[in-house]
Amino acid sequence: MFCNPYTTELVVRRRRESLKRERYDVFDLSNNLIFTVDGGIWNIRRKRVLRDAAGIPLLSMRTKGLVPMRYNWEVYKGDSTESDNLLFSAREPNLLSFKTSLNVTLPPDQSSTVISSVEPDFQTFGRYIGSSFKLFEPIHNTLLAEVFHDFTWGGLIKGSYSFKVRVNPYVDFAFVVALLVITDDTSNLR
């Protein structure tokens, strides 16, 4: 539902609603609202919910474990946190890195008897603040999405800023937005 057969550009606006809450609004280039992401900054599981323009929950994101040494995230369908609804997980591969990177893995196919590899299904590199966020499919080294924008310190200090995301054809942009939010949250915890 959130894939196009052509390159899609989105505008993401992030703002701090209070000391405890952040909100992301995602628009197309015609300024039509596509998604919102809200959630608490200071809750234990750091739960975030991605909703469509009508407010219906599409994805729930939360950290796994109470005090993780590495930031492990799980993303579920809708507002669920049931293991049956797990869509993917994201984990920092290296604690000592200065740039945020995430290894993204899809849940194993329950009907398959093949043991899954330790290689991630997708990888992110960089932070969107420095216009360096990129999402790759590592086996073929295929770029799936990237951020580009004019960064300003004023917006960062106020807690509000916006940036553009270029999503390549046939890539789910709800997936991309979820990874951007996880990357932002993980970067801010450093």
N, C-alpha and C. Protein backbone atom coordinates (compact mmCIF):
# COMPACT_ATOMS: atom_id res chain seq x y z
N MET A 1 0.81 -1.20 0.00
CA MET A 1 0.00 0.00 0.00
C MET A 1 0.86 1.27 0.00
N PHE A 2 2.04 1.20 0.59
CA PHE A 2 2.90 2.38 0.67
C PHE A 2 4.14 2.22 -0.17
N CYS A 3 3.96 1.64 -1.35
CA CYS A 3 5.04 1.51 -2.33
C CYS A 3 4.59 2.13 -3.63
N ASN A 4 5.49 2.76 -4.34
CA ASN A 4 5.20 3.32 -5.65
C ASN A 4 6.15 2.73 -6.67
N PRO A 5 5.73 2.64 -7.93
CA PRO A 5 6.63 2.13 -8.97
C PRO A 5 7.60 3.19 -9.47
N TYR A 6 7.67 4.30 -8.78
CA TYR A 6 8.58 5.40 -9.15
C TYR A 6 9.21 5.95 -7.87
N THR A 7 10.25 6.75 -8.02
CA THR A 7 10.90 7.36 -6.87
C THR A 7 9.93 8.31 -6.18
N THR A 8 9.86 8.22 -4.86
CA THR A 8 8.94 9.04 -4.07
C THR A 8 9.75 9.94 -3.16
N GLU A 9 9.39 11.21 -3.12
CA GLU A 9 10.02 12.13 -2.17
C GLU A 9 9.00 12.52 -1.12
N LEU A 10 9.43 12.44 0.13
CA LEU A 10 8.59 12.78 1.26
C LEU A 10 9.24 13.90 2.06
N VAL A 11 8.45 14.69 2.73
CA VAL A 11 8.95 15.71 3.64
C VAL A 11 8.56 15.29 5.05
N VAL A 12 9.55 15.20 5.91
CA VAL A 12 9.32 14.81 7.30
C VAL A 12 9.56 16.04 8.17
N ARG A 13 8.58 16.36 9.00
CA ARG A 13 8.71 17.47 9.94
C ARG A 13 8.67 16.90 11.35
N ARG A 14 9.71 17.18 12.09
CA ARG A 14 9.81 16.70 13.47
C ARG A 14 9.67 17.89 14.40
N ARG A 15 8.87 17.71 15.45
CA ARG A 15 8.76 18.78 16.44
C ARG A 15 8.59 18.17 17.83
N ARG A 16 9.09 18.87 18.78
CA ARG A 16 8.94 18.45 20.17
C ARG A 16 7.67 19.10 20.69
N GLU A 17 6.71 18.28 21.12
CA GLU A 17 5.44 18.80 21.63
C GLU A 17 5.55 19.19 23.09
N SER A 18 6.40 18.52 23.82
CA SER A 18 6.65 18.83 25.23
C SER A 18 7.99 18.21 25.59
N LEU A 19 8.37 18.31 26.83
CA LEU A 19 9.62 17.68 27.24
C LEU A 19 9.55 16.16 27.16
N LYS A 20 8.34 15.62 27.13
CA LYS A 20 8.18 14.17 27.13
C LYS A 20 7.69 13.59 25.80
N ARG A 21 7.28 14.41 24.87
CA ARG A 21 6.66 13.89 23.63
C ARG A 21 7.25 14.56 22.39
N GLU A 22 7.41 13.74 21.35
CA GLU A 22 7.83 14.22 20.04
C GLU A 22 6.79 13.77 19.02
N ARG A 23 6.76 14.48 17.92
CA ARG A 23 5.83 14.12 16.85
C ARG A 23 6.53 14.31 15.51
N TYR A 24 6.30 13.37 14.62
CA TYR A 24 6.78 13.46 13.25
C TYR A 24 5.56 13.50 12.35
N ASP A 25 5.54 14.42 11.41
CA ASP A 25 4.49 14.47 10.40
C ASP A 25 5.17 14.25 9.05
N VAL A 26 4.61 13.36 8.25
CA VAL A 26 5.19 13.01 6.96
C VAL A 26 4.21 13.41 5.87
N PHE A 27 4.72 14.19 4.90
CA PHE A 27 3.90 14.73 3.82
C PHE A 27 4.48 14.33 2.48
N ASP A 28 3.63 14.30 1.45
CA ASP A 28 4.14 14.18 0.09
C ASP A 28 4.54 15.59 -0.37
N LEU A 29 5.04 15.71 -1.59
CA LEU A 29 5.50 17.02 -2.06
C LEU A 29 4.36 17.99 -2.34
N SER A 30 3.11 17.50 -2.36
CA SER A 30 1.95 18.37 -2.51
C SER A 30 1.39 18.80 -1.15
N ASN A 31 2.14 18.51 -0.09
CA ASN A 31 1.79 18.87 1.28
C ASN A 31 0.57 18.11 1.81
N ASN A 32 0.32 16.91 1.30
CA ASN A 32 -0.73 16.04 1.82
C ASN A 32 -0.15 15.18 2.93
N LEU A 33 -0.81 15.15 4.08
CA LEU A 33 -0.35 14.35 5.20
C LEU A 33 -0.49 12.87 4.85
N ILE A 34 0.60 12.10 5.07
CA ILE A 34 0.59 10.67 4.81
C ILE A 34 0.63 9.89 6.13
N PHE A 35 1.57 10.28 7.02
CA PHE A 35 1.75 9.59 8.30
C PHE A 35 1.97 10.60 9.42
N THR A 36 1.69 10.16 10.63
CA THR A 36 2.16 10.84 11.83
C THR A 36 2.80 9.76 12.70
N VAL A 37 3.80 10.16 13.45
CA VAL A 37 4.43 9.28 14.42
C VAL A 37 4.48 10.04 15.73
N ASP A 38 3.94 9.44 16.77
CA ASP A 38 3.99 10.09 18.06
C ASP A 38 4.45 9.09 19.10
N GLY A 39 4.80 9.63 20.25
CA GLY A 39 5.22 8.75 21.33
C GLY A 39 6.07 9.50 22.33
N GLY A 40 6.28 8.86 23.44
CA GLY A 40 7.02 9.47 24.52
C GLY A 40 8.51 9.31 24.38
N ILE A 41 9.21 10.34 24.80
CA ILE A 41 10.67 10.32 24.80
C ILE A 41 11.18 9.63 26.05
N TRP A 42 10.49 9.82 27.16
CA TRP A 42 11.00 9.36 28.44
C TRP A 42 10.29 8.13 28.98
N ASN A 43 9.54 7.40 28.16
CA ASN A 43 8.96 6.17 28.70
C ASN A 43 9.98 5.04 28.58
N ILE A 44 9.82 4.01 29.38
CA ILE A 44 10.83 2.95 29.49
C ILE A 44 11.06 2.24 28.17
N ARG A 45 10.02 1.90 27.47
CA ARG A 45 10.16 1.16 26.20
C ARG A 45 10.27 2.08 24.99
N ARG A 46 10.17 3.38 25.20
CA ARG A 46 10.29 4.37 24.13
C ARG A 46 9.30 4.08 22.99
N LYS A 47 8.10 3.69 23.33
CA LYS A 47 7.12 3.27 22.32
C LYS A 47 6.71 4.44 21.43
N ARG A 48 6.68 4.16 20.12
CA ARG A 48 6.23 5.11 19.11
C ARG A 48 5.20 4.40 18.25
N VAL A 49 4.23 5.14 17.75
CA VAL A 49 3.20 4.57 16.89
C VAL A 49 3.14 5.38 15.60
N LEU A 50 3.25 4.69 14.46
CA LEU A 50 3.11 5.31 13.15
C LEU A 50 1.66 5.12 12.72
N ARG A 51 1.00 6.24 12.40
CA ARG A 51 -0.42 6.21 12.02
C ARG A 51 -0.58 6.78 10.61
N ASP A 52 -1.62 6.34 9.93
CA ASP A 52 -1.91 6.91 8.62
C ASP A 52 -2.59 8.27 8.83
N ALA A 53 -2.95 8.94 7.74
CA ALA A 53 -3.53 10.29 7.82
C ALA A 53 -4.86 10.30 8.57
N ALA A 54 -5.58 9.18 8.61
CA ALA A 54 -6.85 9.08 9.33
C ALA A 54 -6.65 8.76 10.81
N GLY A 55 -5.41 8.52 11.23
CA GLY A 55 -5.13 8.23 12.64
C GLY A 55 -5.14 6.75 12.98
N ILE A 56 -5.23 5.89 11.99
CA ILE A 56 -5.25 4.44 12.22
C ILE A 56 -3.82 3.94 12.43
N PRO A 57 -3.54 3.21 13.52
CA PRO A 57 -2.18 2.71 13.76
C PRO A 57 -1.75 1.70 12.69
N LEU A 58 -0.59 1.95 12.10
CA LEU A 58 -0.02 1.04 11.10
C LEU A 58 1.10 0.21 11.70
N LEU A 59 1.98 0.86 12.48
CA LEU A 59 3.15 0.21 13.08
C LEU A 59 3.35 0.70 14.50
N SER A 60 3.81 -0.19 15.37
CA SER A 60 4.23 0.18 16.72
C SER A 60 5.71 -0.15 16.84
N MET A 61 6.48 0.78 17.36
CA MET A 61 7.91 0.59 17.54
C MET A 61 8.22 0.72 19.03
N ARG A 62 9.08 -0.16 19.54
CA ARG A 62 9.48 -0.04 20.94
C ARG A 62 10.83 -0.72 21.12
N THR A 63 11.52 -0.30 22.17
CA THR A 63 12.79 -0.95 22.48
C THR A 63 12.51 -2.27 23.15
N LYS A 64 13.46 -3.16 23.00
CA LYS A 64 13.35 -4.48 23.62
C LYS A 64 14.24 -4.46 24.87
N GLY A 65 13.69 -4.87 25.99
CA GLY A 65 14.45 -4.86 27.25
C GLY A 65 14.34 -3.50 27.92
N LEU A 66 14.61 -3.48 29.20
CA LEU A 66 14.45 -2.24 29.95
C LEU A 66 15.66 -1.33 29.87
N VAL A 67 16.86 -1.86 30.01
CA VAL A 67 18.07 -1.04 29.95
C VAL A 67 19.04 -1.71 28.98
N PRO A 68 18.84 -1.50 27.70
CA PRO A 68 19.68 -2.21 26.74
C PRO A 68 21.07 -1.59 26.63
N MET A 69 22.08 -2.43 26.47
CA MET A 69 23.42 -1.93 26.19
C MET A 69 23.52 -1.49 24.74
N ARG A 70 22.91 -2.26 23.88
CA ARG A 70 22.75 -1.87 22.49
C ARG A 70 21.28 -1.58 22.31
N TYR A 71 20.98 -0.66 21.44
CA TYR A 71 19.59 -0.30 21.26
C TYR A 71 18.93 -1.28 20.31
N ASN A 72 18.05 -2.10 20.85
CA ASN A 72 17.31 -3.10 20.09
C ASN A 72 15.87 -2.63 19.99
N TRP A 73 15.36 -2.59 18.78
CA TRP A 73 13.98 -2.17 18.55
C TRP A 73 13.21 -3.28 17.91
N GLU A 74 11.93 -3.36 18.23
CA GLU A 74 11.02 -4.28 17.57
C GLU A 74 9.88 -3.47 16.99
N VAL A 75 9.45 -3.84 15.79
CA VAL A 75 8.37 -3.13 15.10
C VAL A 75 7.27 -4.13 14.79
N TYR A 76 6.05 -3.76 15.19
CA TYR A 76 4.89 -4.64 15.08
C TYR A 76 3.82 -4.03 14.19
N LYS A 77 2.96 -4.89 13.68
CA LYS A 77 1.83 -4.45 12.87
C LYS A 77 0.80 -3.78 13.78
N GLY A 78 0.27 -2.65 13.33
CA GLY A 78 -0.76 -1.95 14.08
C GLY A 78 -0.28 -1.47 15.43
N ASP A 79 -1.13 -1.59 16.43
CA ASP A 79 -0.79 -1.17 17.78
C ASP A 79 -0.42 -2.37 18.65
N SER A 80 -0.12 -3.49 18.02
CA SER A 80 0.15 -4.74 18.71
C SER A 80 1.59 -4.81 19.22
N THR A 81 1.81 -5.67 20.19
CA THR A 81 3.16 -6.05 20.59
C THR A 81 3.24 -7.58 20.72
N GLU A 82 2.34 -8.27 20.05
CA GLU A 82 2.31 -9.74 20.06
C GLU A 82 3.36 -10.26 19.07
N SER A 83 4.02 -11.35 19.43
CA SER A 83 5.08 -11.90 18.58
C SER A 83 4.57 -12.30 17.19
N ASP A 84 3.28 -12.65 17.08
CA ASP A 84 2.70 -13.00 15.77
C ASP A 84 2.71 -11.81 14.83
N ASN A 85 2.71 -10.61 15.37
CA ASN A 85 2.63 -9.39 14.56
C ASN A 85 3.96 -8.69 14.37
N LEU A 86 5.07 -9.34 14.75
CA LEU A 86 6.39 -8.74 14.58
C LEU A 86 6.70 -8.62 13.08
N LEU A 87 7.03 -7.41 12.64
CA LEU A 87 7.36 -7.16 11.23
C LEU A 87 8.86 -7.19 11.00
N PHE A 88 9.62 -6.52 11.90
CA PHE A 88 11.08 -6.53 11.79
C PHE A 88 11.67 -6.04 13.10
N SER A 89 12.97 -6.26 13.25
CA SER A 89 13.69 -5.73 14.40
C SER A 89 14.92 -5.00 13.88
N ALA A 90 15.38 -4.04 14.68
CA ALA A 90 16.55 -3.24 14.31
C ALA A 90 17.49 -3.17 15.52
N ARG A 91 18.76 -3.33 15.25
CA ARG A 91 19.74 -3.38 16.34
C ARG A 91 21.02 -2.67 15.92
N GLU A 92 21.61 -1.97 16.86
CA GLU A 92 22.92 -1.38 16.62
C GLU A 92 23.96 -2.48 16.60
N PRO A 93 24.76 -2.59 15.54
CA PRO A 93 25.74 -3.66 15.48
C PRO A 93 26.99 -3.38 16.32
N ASN A 94 27.25 -2.10 16.61
CA ASN A 94 28.50 -1.73 17.26
C ASN A 94 28.24 -0.64 18.28
N LEU A 95 28.56 -0.89 19.53
CA LEU A 95 28.37 0.10 20.59
C LEU A 95 29.30 1.30 20.48
N LEU A 96 30.47 1.11 19.95
CA LEU A 96 31.50 2.14 19.98
C LEU A 96 31.56 3.01 18.74
N SER A 97 30.58 2.93 17.89
CA SER A 97 30.57 3.71 16.67
C SER A 97 30.07 5.13 16.94
N PHE A 98 30.65 6.10 16.24
CA PHE A 98 30.21 7.49 16.38
C PHE A 98 29.02 7.79 15.47
N LYS A 99 28.87 7.02 14.42
CA LYS A 99 27.72 7.16 13.54
C LYS A 99 26.72 6.07 13.86
N THR A 100 25.46 6.43 13.80
CA THR A 100 24.43 5.45 14.06
C THR A 100 24.28 4.53 12.86
N SER A 101 24.29 3.26 13.11
CA SER A 101 23.97 2.29 12.06
C SER A 101 23.08 1.23 12.69
N LEU A 102 22.22 0.67 11.88
CA LEU A 102 21.30 -0.35 12.36
C LEU A 102 21.32 -1.54 11.42
N ASN A 103 21.28 -2.73 12.00
CA ASN A 103 21.05 -3.94 11.24
C ASN A 103 19.58 -4.28 11.40
N VAL A 104 18.90 -4.44 10.30
CA VAL A 104 17.46 -4.69 10.31
C VAL A 104 17.22 -6.11 9.84
N THR A 105 16.48 -6.87 10.64
CA THR A 105 16.19 -8.26 10.28
C THR A 105 14.69 -8.50 10.30
N LEU A 106 14.26 -9.27 9.34
CA LEU A 106 12.86 -9.70 9.26
C LEU A 106 12.72 -10.95 10.12
N PRO A 107 11.53 -11.21 10.65
CA PRO A 107 11.37 -12.42 11.46
C PRO A 107 11.54 -13.65 10.57
N PRO A 108 12.03 -14.75 11.17
CA PRO A 108 12.19 -15.96 10.35
C PRO A 108 10.84 -16.50 9.91
N ASP A 109 10.85 -17.08 8.74
CA ASP A 109 9.64 -17.70 8.20
C ASP A 109 9.37 -18.97 8.99
N GLN A 110 8.23 -19.03 9.67
CA GLN A 110 7.90 -20.16 10.53
C GLN A 110 7.74 -21.46 9.75
N SER A 111 7.36 -21.36 8.48
CA SER A 111 7.16 -22.57 7.69
C SER A 111 8.46 -23.10 7.08
N SER A 112 9.51 -22.30 7.17
CA SER A 112 10.78 -22.69 6.56
C SER A 112 11.58 -23.57 7.51
N THR A 113 12.27 -24.57 6.96
CA THR A 113 13.16 -25.41 7.76
C THR A 113 14.60 -24.95 7.61
N VAL A 114 14.84 -23.93 6.80
CA VAL A 114 16.18 -23.40 6.59
C VAL A 114 16.52 -22.46 7.73
N ILE A 115 17.71 -22.63 8.28
CA ILE A 115 18.16 -21.75 9.36
C ILE A 115 18.57 -20.42 8.75
N SER A 116 18.05 -19.33 9.31
CA SER A 116 18.37 -18.01 8.75
C SER A 116 19.82 -17.64 9.03
N SER A 117 20.39 -16.84 8.15
CA SER A 117 21.78 -16.42 8.29
C SER A 117 21.86 -15.30 9.32
N VAL A 118 23.08 -14.99 9.72
CA VAL A 118 23.30 -13.93 10.69
C VAL A 118 23.40 -12.57 10.00
N GLU A 119 23.41 -12.57 8.69
CA GLU A 119 23.47 -11.32 7.95
C GLU A 119 22.13 -10.58 8.05
N PRO A 120 22.17 -9.26 8.20
CA PRO A 120 20.91 -8.51 8.25
C PRO A 120 20.24 -8.46 6.88
N ASP A 121 18.93 -8.29 6.91
CA ASP A 121 18.18 -8.15 5.67
C ASP A 121 18.35 -6.76 5.07
N PHE A 122 18.52 -5.74 5.95
CA PHE A 122 18.71 -4.35 5.54
C PHE A 122 19.68 -3.71 6.50
N GLN A 123 20.31 -2.61 6.07
CA GLN A 123 21.21 -1.85 6.94
C GLN A 123 20.99 -0.36 6.73
N THR A 124 21.10 0.39 7.82
CA THR A 124 21.10 1.84 7.72
C THR A 124 22.45 2.35 8.17
N PHE A 125 22.84 3.49 7.62
CA PHE A 125 24.09 4.13 8.00
C PHE A 125 23.84 5.62 8.12
N GLY A 126 24.45 6.21 9.12
CA GLY A 126 24.43 7.66 9.25
C GLY A 126 23.24 8.18 10.03
N ARG A 127 23.21 9.51 10.13
CA ARG A 127 22.14 10.22 10.81
C ARG A 127 21.51 11.16 9.82
N TYR A 128 20.22 11.34 9.90
CA TYR A 128 19.57 12.22 8.94
C TYR A 128 19.92 13.68 9.18
N ILE A 129 20.35 14.05 10.39
CA ILE A 129 20.70 15.44 10.68
C ILE A 129 21.82 15.90 9.77
N GLY A 130 22.80 15.06 9.53
CA GLY A 130 23.91 15.43 8.67
C GLY A 130 23.69 15.05 7.22
N SER A 131 22.46 14.81 6.83
CA SER A 131 22.13 14.40 5.46
C SER A 131 22.88 13.16 5.03
N SER A 132 23.17 12.28 5.98
CA SER A 132 23.94 11.11 5.61
C SER A 132 23.19 9.80 5.80
N PHE A 133 21.90 9.86 6.16
CA PHE A 133 21.14 8.64 6.37
C PHE A 133 20.91 7.94 5.04
N LYS A 134 21.24 6.64 5.03
CA LYS A 134 21.00 5.82 3.84
C LYS A 134 20.53 4.45 4.30
N LEU A 135 19.59 3.88 3.55
CA LEU A 135 19.07 2.54 3.80
C LEU A 135 19.49 1.66 2.63
N PHE A 136 20.14 0.52 2.94
CA PHE A 136 20.64 -0.39 1.93
C PHE A 136 20.08 -1.79 2.11
N GLU A 137 20.03 -2.51 1.00
CA GLU A 137 19.85 -3.96 1.01
C GLU A 137 21.27 -4.49 0.80
N PRO A 138 21.89 -5.12 1.81
CA PRO A 138 23.34 -5.38 1.76
C PRO A 138 23.80 -6.46 0.79
N ILE A 139 22.98 -7.43 0.47
CA ILE A 139 23.45 -8.52 -0.39
C ILE A 139 23.83 -7.99 -1.77
N HIS A 140 22.99 -7.13 -2.33
CA HIS A 140 23.27 -6.56 -3.65
C HIS A 140 23.78 -5.12 -3.55
N ASN A 141 23.98 -4.64 -2.32
CA ASN A 141 24.44 -3.27 -2.07
C ASN A 141 23.55 -2.25 -2.79
N THR A 142 22.25 -2.42 -2.63
CA THR A 142 21.26 -1.59 -3.31
C THR A 142 20.78 -0.48 -2.37
N LEU A 143 20.88 0.76 -2.83
CA LEU A 143 20.37 1.90 -2.07
C LEU A 143 18.85 1.92 -2.19
N LEU A 144 18.16 1.92 -1.05
CA LEU A 144 16.70 1.91 -1.04
C LEU A 144 16.11 3.28 -0.73
N ALA A 145 16.79 4.05 0.13
CA ALA A 145 16.28 5.37 0.51
C ALA A 145 17.43 6.19 1.08
N GLU A 146 17.28 7.51 0.97
CA GLU A 146 18.28 8.41 1.56
C GLU A 146 17.63 9.74 1.90
N VAL A 147 18.27 10.44 2.82
CA VAL A 147 17.79 11.75 3.28
C VAL A 147 18.63 12.83 2.62
N PHE A 148 17.97 13.92 2.26
CA PHE A 148 18.70 15.09 1.79
C PHE A 148 17.95 16.33 2.25
N HIS A 149 18.67 17.34 2.71
CA HIS A 149 18.05 18.58 3.19
C HIS A 149 19.11 19.60 3.54
N ASP A 150 18.64 20.79 3.83
CA ASP A 150 19.50 21.86 4.32
C ASP A 150 19.31 21.92 5.83
N PHE A 151 20.32 21.49 6.56
CA PHE A 151 20.25 21.43 8.01
C PHE A 151 20.52 22.81 8.60
N THR A 152 19.76 23.18 9.63
CA THR A 152 20.02 24.43 10.36
C THR A 152 20.11 24.13 11.85
N TRP A 153 21.04 24.76 12.52
CA TRP A 153 21.18 24.59 13.96
C TRP A 153 20.00 25.18 14.71
N GLY A 154 19.41 26.26 14.18
CA GLY A 154 18.26 26.89 14.84
C GLY A 154 17.10 25.93 15.01
N GLY A 155 16.80 25.16 13.96
CA GLY A 155 15.73 24.19 14.03
C GLY A 155 16.02 23.10 15.04
N LEU A 156 17.28 22.66 15.08
CA LEU A 156 17.65 21.63 16.02
C LEU A 156 17.52 22.12 17.46
N ILE A 157 17.94 23.34 17.72
CA ILE A 157 17.86 23.90 19.06
C ILE A 157 16.40 24.04 19.51
N LYS A 158 15.53 24.45 18.60
CA LYS A 158 14.10 24.59 18.93
C LYS A 158 13.41 23.24 19.07
N GLY A 159 14.03 22.19 18.58
CA GLY A 159 13.40 20.87 18.63
C GLY A 159 12.50 20.61 17.44
N SER A 160 12.53 21.48 16.43
CA SER A 160 11.73 21.29 15.22
C SER A 160 12.63 21.45 14.01
N TYR A 161 12.50 20.55 13.10
CA TYR A 161 13.21 20.68 11.84
C TYR A 161 12.54 19.77 10.82
N SER A 162 12.89 19.96 9.57
CA SER A 162 12.31 19.13 8.53
C SER A 162 13.41 18.70 7.57
N PHE A 163 13.12 17.65 6.84
CA PHE A 163 14.07 17.13 5.86
C PHE A 163 13.30 16.34 4.83
N LYS A 164 13.94 16.07 3.71
CA LYS A 164 13.32 15.29 2.64
C LYS A 164 13.93 13.91 2.60
N VAL A 165 13.09 12.96 2.22
CA VAL A 165 13.51 11.58 2.09
C VAL A 165 13.19 11.14 0.67
N ARG A 166 14.18 10.62 -0.02
CA ARG A 166 13.98 10.06 -1.35
C ARG A 166 13.91 8.54 -1.20
N VAL A 167 12.77 7.97 -1.58
CA VAL A 167 12.54 6.53 -1.47
C VAL A 167 12.50 5.96 -2.88
N ASN A 168 13.33 4.98 -3.14
CA ASN A 168 13.41 4.39 -4.48
C ASN A 168 12.16 3.57 -4.79
N PRO A 169 11.93 3.27 -6.07
CA PRO A 169 10.72 2.52 -6.47
C PRO A 169 10.58 1.19 -5.75
N TYR A 170 9.34 0.84 -5.45
CA TYR A 170 8.94 -0.43 -4.85
C TYR A 170 9.48 -0.64 -3.42
N VAL A 171 9.85 0.44 -2.75
CA VAL A 171 10.28 0.37 -1.35
C VAL A 171 9.17 0.97 -0.50
N ASP A 172 8.78 0.27 0.53
CA ASP A 172 7.69 0.69 1.42
C ASP A 172 8.14 1.90 2.23
N PHE A 173 7.47 3.04 2.02
CA PHE A 173 7.91 4.22 2.75
C PHE A 173 7.46 4.26 4.20
N ALA A 174 6.51 3.44 4.63
CA ALA A 174 6.22 3.31 6.06
C ALA A 174 7.41 2.65 6.76
N PHE A 175 8.01 1.67 6.12
CA PHE A 175 9.22 1.01 6.61
C PHE A 175 10.36 2.01 6.76
N VAL A 176 10.55 2.84 5.74
CA VAL A 176 11.63 3.83 5.75
C VAL A 176 11.41 4.85 6.88
N VAL A 177 10.19 5.35 7.02
CA VAL A 177 9.90 6.33 8.07
C VAL A 177 10.11 5.71 9.45
N ALA A 178 9.70 4.47 9.64
CA ALA A 178 9.92 3.81 10.93
C ALA A 178 11.41 3.74 11.25
N LEU A 179 12.24 3.40 10.26
CA LEU A 179 13.68 3.34 10.49
C LEU A 179 14.28 4.71 10.76
N LEU A 180 13.75 5.75 10.12
CA LEU A 180 14.21 7.11 10.42
C LEU A 180 13.92 7.50 11.87
N VAL A 181 12.74 7.17 12.34
CA VAL A 181 12.37 7.49 13.73
C VAL A 181 13.26 6.71 14.70
N ILE A 182 13.48 5.43 14.42
CA ILE A 182 14.36 4.61 15.28
C ILE A 182 15.78 5.17 15.26
N THR A 183 16.27 5.56 14.09
CA THR A 183 17.60 6.13 13.99
C THR A 183 17.70 7.43 14.78
N ASP A 184 16.69 8.28 14.67
CA ASP A 184 16.68 9.53 15.42
C ASP A 184 16.71 9.27 16.91
N ASP A 185 15.88 8.37 17.37
CA ASP A 185 15.82 8.06 18.79
C ASP A 185 17.13 7.48 19.29
N THR A 186 17.70 6.54 18.54
CA THR A 186 18.96 5.92 18.91
C THR A 186 20.09 6.95 18.92
N SER A 187 20.11 7.85 17.94
CA SER A 187 21.14 8.90 17.88
C SER A 187 21.04 9.83 19.07
N ASN A 188 19.82 10.16 19.49
CA ASN A 188 19.62 11.08 20.60
C ASN A 188 19.98 10.47 21.94
N LEU A 189 20.04 9.14 22.03
CA LEU A 189 20.39 8.50 23.30
C LEU A 189 21.90 8.41 23.51
N ARG A 190 22.67 8.74 22.50
CA ARG A 190 24.13 8.64 22.63
C ARG A 190 24.68 9.72 23.50
